[in-house]
Amino acid sequence: MTTARTAGYTLIEIVVALLLFAIGGLALVTTSAVVGRAMNTNAVRERASRIAASRLEIIGAACHRAASGRETLQQIESEWSVTALDSARLSVVESVSYPSLQGRRTDLFRAVLPCR
């Protein structure tokens, strides 16, 4: 008896291929969501660092009139403390708090600024 062989895929091969593509697609979607959240957290962290650096520049420019204080900008809370070391230098400690995936995060910045 002779059997005729036809070219093509069987139904089970097509189902397995679709299953593999579906699993791969779901893995890509999940990975992109994790990367998106991480990028958002990094953007907020960068914004907080820029606010801290800007505050240090402002304090350095107004050295003899510098004072401690606090400020909130775009969900970022900034608090700084200014101490005169001598007539030519200031010690500044600034903390910035911002939301992250694990809750609220606080970064601390310390600087000694020269008075001109």
PDB file of N, CA and C in Angstrom:
ATOM      1  N   MET A   1       0.828  -1.144   0.000  1.00  0.00           N
ATOM      2  CA  MET A   1       0.000   0.000   0.000  1.00  0.00           C
ATOM      3  C   MET A   1       0.892   1.233   0.000  1.00  0.00           C
ATOM      4  N   THR A   2       0.509   2.177  -0.776  1.00  0.00           N
ATOM      5  CA  THR A   2       1.282   3.406  -0.939  1.00  0.00           C
ATOM      6  C   THR A   2       0.549   4.545  -0.242  1.00  0.00           C
ATOM      7  N   THR A   3       1.277   5.278   0.571  1.00  0.00           N
ATOM      8  CA  THR A   3       0.655   6.435   1.221  1.00  0.00           C
ATOM      9  C   THR A   3       1.194   7.701   0.573  1.00  0.00           C
ATOM     10  N   ALA A   4       0.325   8.628   0.372  1.00  0.00           N
ATOM     11  CA  ALA A   4       0.718   9.907  -0.238  1.00  0.00           C
ATOM     12  C   ALA A   4       1.114  10.878   0.875  1.00  0.00           C
ATOM     13  N   ARG A   5       2.270  11.445   0.731  1.00  0.00           N
ATOM     14  CA  ARG A   5       2.761  12.405   1.740  1.00  0.00           C
ATOM     15  C   ARG A   5       2.542  13.799   1.182  1.00  0.00           C
ATOM     16  N   THR A   6       1.880  14.646   1.964  1.00  0.00           N
ATOM     17  CA  THR A   6       1.643  16.024   1.521  1.00  0.00           C
ATOM     18  C   THR A   6       2.503  16.959   2.361  1.00  0.00           C
ATOM     19  N   ALA A   7       2.937  18.037   1.727  1.00  0.00           N
ATOM     20  CA  ALA A   7       3.762  19.027   2.429  1.00  0.00           C
ATOM     21  C   ALA A   7       2.871  19.879   3.318  1.00  0.00           C
ATOM     22  N   GLY A   8       3.410  20.305   4.491  1.00  0.00           N
ATOM     23  CA  GLY A   8       2.641  21.153   5.387  1.00  0.00           C
ATOM     24  C   GLY A   8       2.897  20.786   6.836  1.00  0.00           C
ATOM     25  N   TYR A   9       2.178  21.442   7.718  1.00  0.00           N
ATOM     26  CA  TYR A   9       2.321  21.243   9.150  1.00  0.00           C
ATOM     27  C   TYR A   9       1.085  20.546   9.686  1.00  0.00           C
ATOM     28  N   THR A  10       1.316  19.764  10.721  1.00  0.00           N
ATOM     29  CA  THR A  10       0.179  19.114  11.357  1.00  0.00           C
ATOM     30  C   THR A  10      -0.452  20.083  12.344  1.00  0.00           C
ATOM     31  N   LEU A  11      -1.630  19.782  12.780  1.00  0.00           N
ATOM     32  CA  LEU A  11      -2.354  20.637  13.716  1.00  0.00           C
ATOM     33  C   LEU A  11      -1.591  20.782  15.035  1.00  0.00           C
ATOM     34  N   ILE A  12      -0.989  19.710  15.515  1.00  0.00           N
ATOM     35  CA  ILE A  12      -0.267  19.772  16.791  1.00  0.00           C
ATOM     36  C   ILE A  12       0.957  20.666  16.676  1.00  0.00           C
ATOM     37  N   GLU A  13       1.633  20.677  15.539  1.00  0.00           N
ATOM     38  CA  GLU A  13       2.790  21.551  15.348  1.00  0.00           C
ATOM     39  C   GLU A  13       2.374  23.026  15.372  1.00  0.00           C
ATOM     40  N   ILE A  14       1.242  23.326  14.778  1.00  0.00           N
ATOM     41  CA  ILE A  14       0.741  24.699  14.764  1.00  0.00           C
ATOM     42  C   ILE A  14       0.347  25.144  16.175  1.00  0.00           C
ATOM     43  N   VAL A  15      -0.302  24.288  16.935  1.00  0.00           N
ATOM     44  CA  VAL A  15      -0.709  24.623  18.301  1.00  0.00           C
ATOM     45  C   VAL A  15       0.525  24.859  19.170  1.00  0.00           C
ATOM     46  N   VAL A  16       1.540  24.018  19.051  1.00  0.00           N
ATOM     47  CA  VAL A  16       2.768  24.190  19.833  1.00  0.00           C
ATOM     48  C   VAL A  16       3.462  25.500  19.451  1.00  0.00           C
ATOM     49  N   ALA A  17       3.530  25.806  18.165  1.00  0.00           N
ATOM     50  CA  ALA A  17       4.160  27.054  17.715  1.00  0.00           C
ATOM     51  C   ALA A  17       3.411  28.271  18.266  1.00  0.00           C
ATOM     52  N   LEU A  18       2.069  28.266  18.230  1.00  0.00           N
ATOM     53  CA  LEU A  18       1.285  29.377  18.773  1.00  0.00           C
ATOM     54  C   LEU A  18       1.486  29.516  20.286  1.00  0.00           C
ATOM     55  N   LEU A  19       1.574  28.410  20.980  1.00  0.00           N
ATOM     56  CA  LEU A  19       1.810  28.435  22.417  1.00  0.00           C
ATOM     57  C   LEU A  19       3.166  29.063  22.738  1.00  0.00           C
ATOM     58  N   LEU A  20       4.199  28.702  21.985  1.00  0.00           N
ATOM     59  CA  LEU A  20       5.524  29.274  22.205  1.00  0.00           C
ATOM     60  C   LEU A  20       5.533  30.779  21.916  1.00  0.00           C
ATOM     61  N   PHE A  21       4.877  31.204  20.854  1.00  0.00           N
ATOM     62  CA  PHE A  21       4.794  32.634  20.547  1.00  0.00           C
ATOM     63  C   PHE A  21       4.028  33.394  21.632  1.00  0.00           C
ATOM     64  N   ALA A  22       2.972  32.808  22.152  1.00  0.00           N
ATOM     65  CA  ALA A  22       2.195  33.463  23.210  1.00  0.00           C
ATOM     66  C   ALA A  22       3.026  33.620  24.485  1.00  0.00           C
ATOM     67  N   ILE A  23       3.766  32.585  24.868  1.00  0.00           N
ATOM     68  CA  ILE A  23       4.613  32.660  26.059  1.00  0.00           C
ATOM     69  C   ILE A  23       5.707  33.709  25.861  1.00  0.00           C
ATOM     70  N   GLY A  24       6.300  33.746  24.690  1.00  0.00           N
ATOM     71  CA  GLY A  24       7.324  34.747  24.394  1.00  0.00           C
ATOM     72  C   GLY A  24       6.765  36.158  24.439  1.00  0.00           C
ATOM     73  N   GLY A  25       5.571  36.358  23.897  1.00  0.00           N
ATOM     74  CA  GLY A  25       4.937  37.674  23.926  1.00  0.00           C
ATOM     75  C   GLY A  25       4.631  38.135  25.339  1.00  0.00           C
ATOM     76  N   LEU A  26       4.121  37.222  26.169  1.00  0.00           N
ATOM     77  CA  LEU A  26       3.849  37.564  27.566  1.00  0.00           C
ATOM     78  C   LEU A  26       5.129  37.905  28.323  1.00  0.00           C
ATOM     79  N   ALA A  27       6.213  37.210  28.037  1.00  0.00           N
ATOM     80  CA  ALA A  27       7.497  37.509  28.682  1.00  0.00           C
ATOM     81  C   ALA A  27       7.979  38.904  28.291  1.00  0.00           C
ATOM     82  N   LEU A  28       7.823  39.280  27.027  1.00  0.00           N
ATOM     83  CA  LEU A  28       8.213  40.620  26.588  1.00  0.00           C
ATOM     84  C   LEU A  28       7.383  41.701  27.252  1.00  0.00           C
ATOM     85  N   VAL A  29       6.087  41.491  27.376  1.00  0.00           N
ATOM     86  CA  VAL A  29       5.215  42.474  28.012  1.00  0.00           C
ATOM     87  C   VAL A  29       5.583  42.647  29.482  1.00  0.00           C
ATOM     88  N   THR A  30       5.817  41.547  30.177  1.00  0.00           N
ATOM     89  CA  THR A  30       6.177  41.615  31.587  1.00  0.00           C
ATOM     90  C   THR A  30       7.511  42.336  31.772  1.00  0.00           C
ATOM     91  N   THR A  31       8.482  42.018  30.953  1.00  0.00           N
ATOM     92  CA  THR A  31       9.789  42.662  31.039  1.00  0.00           C
ATOM     93  C   THR A  31       9.689  44.150  30.754  1.00  0.00           C
ATOM     94  N   SER A  32       8.907  44.533  29.783  1.00  0.00           N
ATOM     95  CA  SER A  32       8.786  45.961  29.462  1.00  0.00           C
ATOM     96  C   SER A  32       8.098  46.725  30.596  1.00  0.00           C
ATOM     97  N   ALA A  33       7.169  46.108  31.304  1.00  0.00           N
ATOM     98  CA  ALA A  33       6.528  46.763  32.447  1.00  0.00           C
ATOM     99  C   ALA A  33       7.530  46.980  33.571  1.00  0.00           C
ATOM    100  N   VAL A  34       8.381  46.002  33.843  1.00  0.00           N
ATOM    101  CA  VAL A  34       9.396  46.135  34.884  1.00  0.00           C
ATOM    102  C   VAL A  34      10.400  47.228  34.508  1.00  0.00           C
ATOM    103  N   VAL A  35      10.822  47.245  33.264  1.00  0.00           N
ATOM    104  CA  VAL A  35      11.764  48.264  32.796  1.00  0.00           C
ATOM    105  C   VAL A  35      11.124  49.651  32.865  1.00  0.00           C
ATOM    106  N   GLY A  36       9.860  49.762  32.521  1.00  0.00           N
ATOM    107  CA  GLY A  36       9.156  51.043  32.581  1.00  0.00           C
ATOM    108  C   GLY A  36       9.079  51.587  33.995  1.00  0.00           C
ATOM    109  N   ARG A  37       8.776  50.734  34.956  1.00  0.00           N
ATOM    110  CA  ARG A  37       8.722  51.173  36.357  1.00  0.00           C
ATOM    111  C   ARG A  37      10.103  51.600  36.849  1.00  0.00           C
ATOM    112  N   ALA A  38      11.127  50.852  36.475  1.00  0.00           N
ATOM    113  CA  ALA A  38      12.494  51.202  36.879  1.00  0.00           C
ATOM    114  C   ALA A  38      12.916  52.540  36.268  1.00  0.00           C
ATOM    115  N   MET A  39      12.549  52.780  35.028  1.00  0.00           N
ATOM    116  CA  MET A  39      12.893  54.052  34.388  1.00  0.00           C
ATOM    117  C   MET A  39      12.182  55.213  35.068  1.00  0.00           C
ATOM    118  N   ASN A  40      10.937  55.013  35.477  1.00  0.00           N
ATOM    119  CA  ASN A  40      10.197  56.057  36.171  1.00  0.00           C
ATOM    120  C   ASN A  40      10.850  56.375  37.517  1.00  0.00           C
ATOM    121  N   THR A  41      11.246  55.344  38.255  1.00  0.00           N
ATOM    122  CA  THR A  41      11.921  55.549  39.541  1.00  0.00           C
ATOM    123  C   THR A  41      13.246  56.279  39.342  1.00  0.00           C
ATOM    124  N   ASN A  42      13.996  55.911  38.312  1.00  0.00           N
ATOM    125  CA  ASN A  42      15.261  56.583  38.040  1.00  0.00           C
ATOM    126  C   ASN A  42      15.049  58.040  37.646  1.00  0.00           C
ATOM    127  N   ALA A  43      13.985  58.326  36.928  1.00  0.00           N
ATOM    128  CA  ALA A  43      13.690  59.710  36.547  1.00  0.00           C
ATOM    129  C   ALA A  43      13.384  60.556  37.776  1.00  0.00           C
ATOM    130  N   VAL A  44      12.629  60.010  38.723  1.00  0.00           N
ATOM    131  CA  VAL A  44      12.319  60.739  39.952  1.00  0.00           C
ATOM    132  C   VAL A  44      13.590  60.931  40.775  1.00  0.00           C
ATOM    133  N   ARG A  45      14.440  59.901  40.847  1.00  0.00           N
ATOM    134  CA  ARG A  45      15.706  60.007  41.586  1.00  0.00           C
ATOM    135  C   ARG A  45      16.601  61.078  40.962  1.00  0.00           C
ATOM    136  N   GLU A  46      16.646  61.116  39.658  1.00  0.00           N
ATOM    137  CA  GLU A  46      17.454  62.138  38.974  1.00  0.00           C
ATOM    138  C   GLU A  46      16.900  63.531  39.254  1.00  0.00           C
ATOM    139  N   ARG A  47      15.584  63.686  39.210  1.00  0.00           N
ATOM    140  CA  ARG A  47      14.963  64.981  39.499  1.00  0.00           C
ATOM    141  C   ARG A  47      15.297  65.422  40.928  1.00  0.00           C
ATOM    142  N   ALA A  48      15.258  64.494  41.867  1.00  0.00           N
ATOM    143  CA  ALA A  48      15.596  64.817  43.263  1.00  0.00           C
ATOM    144  C   ALA A  48      17.057  65.250  43.381  1.00  0.00           C
ATOM    145  N   SER A  49      17.948  64.574  42.683  1.00  0.00           N
ATOM    146  CA  SER A  49      19.365  64.954  42.717  1.00  0.00           C
ATOM    147  C   SER A  49      19.588  66.325  42.103  1.00  0.00           C
ATOM    148  N   ARG A  50      18.868  66.616  41.039  1.00  0.00           N
ATOM    149  CA  ARG A  50      18.993  67.944  40.415  1.00  0.00           C
ATOM    150  C   ARG A  50      18.473  69.040  41.337  1.00  0.00           C
ATOM    151  N   ILE A  51      17.398  68.771  42.051  1.00  0.00           N
ATOM    152  CA  ILE A  51      16.875  69.747  43.010  1.00  0.00           C
ATOM    153  C   ILE A  51      17.909  69.991  44.102  1.00  0.00           C
ATOM    154  N   ALA A  52      18.552  68.928  44.596  1.00  0.00           N
ATOM    155  CA  ALA A  52      19.571  69.073  45.639  1.00  0.00           C
ATOM    156  C   ALA A  52      20.771  69.861  45.114  1.00  0.00           C
ATOM    157  N   ALA A  53      21.232  69.546  43.912  1.00  0.00           N
ATOM    158  CA  ALA A  53      22.371  70.262  43.340  1.00  0.00           C
ATOM    159  C   ALA A  53      22.039  71.732  43.112  1.00  0.00           C
ATOM    160  N   SER A  54      20.832  71.998  42.656  1.00  0.00           N
ATOM    161  CA  SER A  54      20.400  73.382  42.443  1.00  0.00           C
ATOM    162  C   SER A  54      20.366  74.144  43.764  1.00  0.00           C
ATOM    163  N   ARG A  55      19.854  73.495  44.809  1.00  0.00           N
ATOM    164  CA  ARG A  55      19.791  74.143  46.124  1.00  0.00           C
ATOM    165  C   ARG A  55      21.201  74.450  46.624  1.00  0.00           C
ATOM    166  N   LEU A  56      22.154  73.538  46.437  1.00  0.00           N
ATOM    167  CA  LEU A  56      23.527  73.778  46.860  1.00  0.00           C
ATOM    168  C   LEU A  56      24.139  74.961  46.108  1.00  0.00           C
ATOM    169  N   GLU A  57      23.843  75.084  44.817  1.00  0.00           N
ATOM    170  CA  GLU A  57      24.343  76.225  44.042  1.00  0.00           C
ATOM    171  C   GLU A  57      23.740  77.533  44.542  1.00  0.00           C
ATOM    172  N   ILE A  58      22.448  77.527  44.861  1.00  0.00           N
ATOM    173  CA  ILE A  58      21.785  78.733  45.374  1.00  0.00           C
ATOM    174  C   ILE A  58      22.389  79.135  46.715  1.00  0.00           C
ATOM    175  N   ILE A  59      22.620  78.161  47.594  1.00  0.00           N
ATOM    176  CA  ILE A  59      23.210  78.456  48.900  1.00  0.00           C
ATOM    177  C   ILE A  59      24.634  78.984  48.730  1.00  0.00           C
ATOM    178  N   GLY A  60      25.395  78.377  47.823  1.00  0.00           N
ATOM    179  CA  GLY A  60      26.763  78.837  47.581  1.00  0.00           C
ATOM    180  C   GLY A  60      26.812  80.248  47.021  1.00  0.00           C
ATOM    181  N   ALA A  61      25.837  80.627  46.202  1.00  0.00           N
ATOM    182  CA  ALA A  61      25.807  81.974  45.621  1.00  0.00           C
ATOM    183  C   ALA A  61      25.447  83.026  46.660  1.00  0.00           C
ATOM    184  N   ALA A  62      24.614  82.675  47.628  1.00  0.00           N
ATOM    185  CA  ALA A  62      24.197  83.606  48.681  1.00  0.00           C
ATOM    186  C   ALA A  62      24.797  83.161  50.007  1.00  0.00           C
ATOM    187  N   CYS A  63      26.080  82.975  50.013  1.00  0.00           N
ATOM    188  CA  CYS A  63      26.774  82.342  51.132  1.00  0.00           C
ATOM    189  C   CYS A  63      26.509  83.022  52.474  1.00  0.00           C
ATOM    190  N   HIS A  64      26.670  84.325  52.559  1.00  0.00           N
ATOM    191  CA  HIS A  64      26.545  85.011  53.847  1.00  0.00           C
ATOM    192  C   HIS A  64      25.089  85.186  54.282  1.00  0.00           C
ATOM    193  N   ARG A  65      24.140  85.017  53.367  1.00  0.00           N
ATOM    194  CA  ARG A  65      22.721  85.131  53.710  1.00  0.00           C
ATOM    195  C   ARG A  65      22.036  83.762  53.737  1.00  0.00           C
ATOM    196  N   ALA A  66      22.790  82.697  53.604  1.00  0.00           N
ATOM    197  CA  ALA A  66      22.214  81.356  53.522  1.00  0.00           C
ATOM    198  C   ALA A  66      21.564  80.957  54.846  1.00  0.00           C
ATOM    199  N   ALA A  67      20.437  80.270  54.735  1.00  0.00           N
ATOM    200  CA  ALA A  67      19.710  79.821  55.929  1.00  0.00           C
ATOM    201  C   ALA A  67      19.143  78.423  55.677  1.00  0.00           C
ATOM    202  N   SER A  68      18.873  77.716  56.738  1.00  0.00           N
ATOM    203  CA  SER A  68      18.261  76.390  56.639  1.00  0.00           C
ATOM    204  C   SER A  68      16.816  76.533  56.182  1.00  0.00           C
ATOM    205  N   GLY A  69      16.264  75.449  55.640  1.00  0.00           N
ATOM    206  CA  GLY A  69      14.876  75.514  55.203  1.00  0.00           C
ATOM    207  C   GLY A  69      14.379  74.198  54.652  1.00  0.00           C
ATOM    208  N   ARG A  70      13.198  74.252  54.084  1.00  0.00           N
ATOM    209  CA  ARG A  70      12.582  73.063  53.477  1.00  0.00           C
ATOM    210  C   ARG A  70      11.703  73.500  52.320  1.00  0.00           C
ATOM    211  N   GLU A  71      11.458  72.559  51.384  1.00  0.00           N
ATOM    212  CA  GLU A  71      10.694  72.867  50.181  1.00  0.00           C
ATOM    213  C   GLU A  71      10.145  71.557  49.620  1.00  0.00           C
ATOM    214  N   THR A  72       8.989  71.630  48.986  1.00  0.00           N
ATOM    215  CA  THR A  72       8.414  70.469  48.310  1.00  0.00           C
ATOM    216  C   THR A  72       8.134  70.836  46.864  1.00  0.00           C
ATOM    217  N   LEU A  73       8.696  70.045  45.954  1.00  0.00           N
ATOM    218  CA  LEU A  73       8.502  70.244  44.518  1.00  0.00           C
ATOM    219  C   LEU A  73       8.173  68.909  43.868  1.00  0.00           C
ATOM    220  N   GLN A  74       7.052  68.807  43.198  1.00  0.00           N
ATOM    221  CA  GLN A  74       6.687  67.622  42.409  1.00  0.00           C
ATOM    222  C   GLN A  74       6.914  66.317  43.173  1.00  0.00           C
ATOM    223  N   GLN A  75       6.315  66.145  44.313  1.00  0.00           N
ATOM    224  CA  GLN A  75       6.409  64.950  45.160  1.00  0.00           C
ATOM    225  C   GLN A  75       7.783  64.744  45.776  1.00  0.00           C
ATOM    226  N   ILE A  76       8.676  65.713  45.634  1.00  0.00           N
ATOM    227  CA  ILE A  76      10.020  65.597  46.188  1.00  0.00           C
ATOM    228  C   ILE A  76      10.155  66.596  47.323  1.00  0.00           C
ATOM    229  N   GLU A  77      10.421  66.074  48.512  1.00  0.00           N
ATOM    230  CA  GLU A  77      10.593  66.920  49.686  1.00  0.00           C
ATOM    231  C   GLU A  77      12.087  67.141  49.918  1.00  0.00           C
ATOM    232  N   SER A  78      12.461  68.397  50.044  1.00  0.00           N
ATOM    233  CA  SER A  78      13.858  68.756  50.239  1.00  0.00           C
ATOM    234  C   SER A  78      13.992  69.539  51.537  1.00  0.00           C
ATOM    235  N   GLU A  79      14.968  69.154  52.349  1.00  0.00           N
ATOM    236  CA  GLU A  79      15.223  69.850  53.605  1.00  0.00           C
ATOM    237  C   GLU A  79      16.732  70.030  53.739  1.00  0.00           C
ATOM    238  N   TRP A  80      17.178  71.255  54.064  1.00  0.00           N
ATOM    239  CA  TRP A  80      18.594  71.527  54.158  1.00  0.00           C
ATOM    240  C   TRP A  80      18.911  72.269  55.439  1.00  0.00           C
ATOM    241  N   SER A  81      20.141  72.032  55.912  1.00  0.00           N
ATOM    242  CA  SER A  81      20.635  72.656  57.136  1.00  0.00           C
ATOM    243  C   SER A  81      21.970  73.319  56.810  1.00  0.00           C
ATOM    244  N   VAL A  82      22.105  74.591  57.150  1.00  0.00           N
ATOM    245  CA  VAL A  82      23.307  75.356  56.856  1.00  0.00           C
ATOM    246  C   VAL A  82      24.000  75.714  58.167  1.00  0.00           C
ATOM    247  N   THR A  83      25.308  75.436  58.249  1.00  0.00           N
ATOM    248  CA  THR A  83      26.108  75.770  59.416  1.00  0.00           C
ATOM    249  C   THR A  83      27.375  76.479  58.949  1.00  0.00           C
ATOM    250  N   ALA A  84      27.680  77.615  59.546  1.00  0.00           N
ATOM    251  CA  ALA A  84      28.907  78.339  59.207  1.00  0.00           C
ATOM    252  C   ALA A  84      30.081  77.682  59.928  1.00  0.00           C
ATOM    253  N   LEU A  85      31.060  77.208  59.160  1.00  0.00           N
ATOM    254  CA  LEU A  85      32.267  76.622  59.762  1.00  0.00           C
ATOM    255  C   LEU A  85      33.210  77.728  60.220  1.00  0.00           C
ATOM    256  N   ASP A  86      33.371  78.712  59.373  1.00  0.00           N
ATOM    257  CA  ASP A  86      34.121  79.925  59.694  1.00  0.00           C
ATOM    258  C   ASP A  86      33.637  80.999  58.727  1.00  0.00           C
ATOM    259  N   SER A  87      34.337  82.123  58.629  1.00  0.00           N
ATOM    260  CA  SER A  87      33.849  83.210  57.782  1.00  0.00           C
ATOM    261  C   SER A  87      33.987  82.906  56.296  1.00  0.00           C
ATOM    262  N   ALA A  88      34.723  81.861  55.948  1.00  0.00           N
ATOM    263  CA  ALA A  88      34.955  81.560  54.540  1.00  0.00           C
ATOM    264  C   ALA A  88      34.297  80.261  54.067  1.00  0.00           C
ATOM    265  N   ARG A  89      33.649  79.503  54.959  1.00  0.00           N
ATOM    266  CA  ARG A  89      33.088  78.214  54.549  1.00  0.00           C
ATOM    267  C   ARG A  89      31.778  77.922  55.249  1.00  0.00           C
ATOM    268  N   LEU A  90      30.900  77.233  54.508  1.00  0.00           N
ATOM    269  CA  LEU A  90      29.626  76.763  55.049  1.00  0.00           C
ATOM    270  C   LEU A  90      29.559  75.250  54.933  1.00  0.00           C
ATOM    271  N   SER A  91      28.943  74.619  55.917  1.00  0.00           N
ATOM    272  CA  SER A  91      28.647  73.194  55.848  1.00  0.00           C
ATOM    273  C   SER A  91      27.148  73.066  55.561  1.00  0.00           C
ATOM    274  N   VAL A  92      26.819  72.335  54.517  1.00  0.00           N
ATOM    275  CA  VAL A  92      25.422  72.165  54.131  1.00  0.00           C
ATOM    276  C   VAL A  92      25.100  70.674  54.110  1.00  0.00           C
ATOM    277  N   VAL A  93      24.022  70.317  54.768  1.00  0.00           N
ATOM    278  CA  VAL A  93      23.499  68.947  54.723  1.00  0.00           C
ATOM    279  C   VAL A  93      22.089  69.044  54.165  1.00  0.00           C
ATOM    280  N   GLU A  94      21.851  68.331  53.063  1.00  0.00           N
ATOM    281  CA  GLU A  94      20.532  68.370  52.429  1.00  0.00           C
ATOM    282  C   GLU A  94      20.005  66.953  52.266  1.00  0.00           C
ATOM    283  N   SER A  95      18.746  66.775  52.618  1.00  0.00           N
ATOM    284  CA  SER A  95      18.097  65.483  52.392  1.00  0.00           C
ATOM    285  C   SER A  95      16.934  65.687  51.438  1.00  0.00           C
ATOM    286  N   VAL A  96      16.819  64.775  50.478  1.00  0.00           N
ATOM    287  CA  VAL A  96      15.698  64.799  49.541  1.00  0.00           C
ATOM    288  C   VAL A  96      14.961  63.473  49.661  1.00  0.00           C
ATOM    289  N   SER A  97      13.638  63.538  49.787  1.00  0.00           N
ATOM    290  CA  SER A  97      12.795  62.344  49.886  1.00  0.00           C
ATOM    291  C   SER A  97      11.876  62.303  48.689  1.00  0.00           C
ATOM    292  N   TYR A  98      11.708  61.118  48.127  1.00  0.00           N
ATOM    293  CA  TYR A  98      10.878  60.963  46.940  1.00  0.00           C
ATOM    294  C   TYR A  98      10.267  59.560  46.922  1.00  0.00           C
ATOM    295  N   PRO A  99       9.147  59.402  46.194  1.00  0.00           N
ATOM    296  CA  PRO A  99       8.508  58.079  46.131  1.00  0.00           C
ATOM    297  C   PRO A  99       9.300  57.128  45.237  1.00  0.00           C
ATOM    298  N   SER A 100       9.364  55.870  45.654  1.00  0.00           N
ATOM    299  CA  SER A 100       9.988  54.830  44.830  1.00  0.00           C
ATOM    300  C   SER A 100       9.115  53.582  44.889  1.00  0.00           C
ATOM    301  N   LEU A 101       9.530  52.531  44.226  1.00  0.00           N
ATOM    302  CA  LEU A 101       8.734  51.300  44.190  1.00  0.00           C
ATOM    303  C   LEU A 101       8.628  50.647  45.565  1.00  0.00           C
ATOM    304  N   GLN A 102       9.650  50.815  46.405  1.00  0.00           N
ATOM    305  CA  GLN A 102       9.652  50.206  47.730  1.00  0.00           C
ATOM    306  C   GLN A 102       9.146  51.169  48.811  1.00  0.00           C
ATOM    307  N   GLY A 103       8.540  52.248  48.439  1.00  0.00           N
ATOM    308  CA  GLY A 103       8.078  53.236  49.402  1.00  0.00           C
ATOM    309  C   GLY A 103       8.878  54.522  49.259  1.00  0.00           C
ATOM    310  N   ARG A 104       8.871  55.328  50.281  1.00  0.00           N
ATOM    311  CA  ARG A 104       9.563  56.616  50.247  1.00  0.00           C
ATOM    312  C   ARG A 104      11.054  56.400  50.462  1.00  0.00           C
ATOM    313  N   ARG A 105      11.882  57.046  49.649  1.00  0.00           N
ATOM    314  CA  ARG A 105      13.340  56.933  49.749  1.00  0.00           C
ATOM    315  C   ARG A 105      13.920  58.304  50.068  1.00  0.00           C
ATOM    316  N   THR A 106      14.957  58.338  50.897  1.00  0.00           N
ATOM    317  CA  THR A 106      15.613  59.582  51.269  1.00  0.00           C
ATOM    318  C   THR A 106      17.097  59.481  50.943  1.00  0.00           C
ATOM    319  N   ASP A 107      17.604  60.469  50.209  1.00  0.00           N
ATOM    320  CA  ASP A 107      19.032  60.562  49.903  1.00  0.00           C
ATOM    321  C   ASP A 107      19.596  61.758  50.650  1.00  0.00           C
ATOM    322  N   LEU A 108      20.813  61.630  51.148  1.00  0.00           N
ATOM    323  CA  LEU A 108      21.450  62.673  51.935  1.00  0.00           C
ATOM    324  C   LEU A 108      22.659  63.199  51.177  1.00  0.00           C
ATOM    325  N   PHE A 109      22.783  64.510  51.090  1.00  0.00           N
ATOM    326  CA  PHE A 109      23.901  65.173  50.421  1.00  0.00           C
ATOM    327  C   PHE A 109      24.598  66.070  51.432  1.00  0.00           C
ATOM    328  N   ARG A 110      25.927  65.989  51.493  1.00  0.00           N
ATOM    329  CA  ARG A 110      26.711  66.835  52.378  1.00  0.00           C
ATOM    330  C   ARG A 110      27.723  67.588  51.534  1.00  0.00           C
ATOM    331  N   ALA A 111      27.929  68.884  51.855  1.00  0.00           N
ATOM    332  CA  ALA A 111      28.881  69.683  51.107  1.00  0.00           C
ATOM    333  C   ALA A 111      29.468  70.752  52.013  1.00  0.00           C
ATOM    334  N   VAL A 112      30.720  71.097  51.751  1.00  0.00           N
ATOM    335  CA  VAL A 112      31.359  72.251  52.367  1.00  0.00           C
ATOM    336  C   VAL A 112      31.563  73.249  51.243  1.00  0.00           C
ATOM    337  N   LEU A 113      30.928  74.416  51.357  1.00  0.00           N
ATOM    338  CA  LEU A 113      30.939  75.412  50.304  1.00  0.00           C
ATOM    339  C   LEU A 113      31.809  76.591  50.694  1.00  0.00           C
ATOM    340  N   PRO A 114      32.661  77.066  49.780  1.00  0.00           N
ATOM    341  CA  PRO A 114      33.452  78.250  50.079  1.00  0.00           C
ATOM    342  C   PRO A 114      32.624  79.520  49.898  1.00  0.00           C
ATOM    343  N   CYS A 115      32.853  80.500  50.737  1.00  0.00           N
ATOM    344  CA  CYS A 115      32.194  81.802  50.593  1.00  0.00           C
ATOM    345  C   CYS A 115      33.148  82.725  49.846  1.00  0.00           C
ATOM    346  N   ARG A 116      32.625  83.381  48.862  1.00  0.00           N
ATOM    347  CA  ARG A 116      33.478  84.280  48.067  1.00  0.00           C
ATOM    348  C   ARG A 116      33.211  85.697  48.412  1.00  0.00           C
TER     349      ARG A 116
END
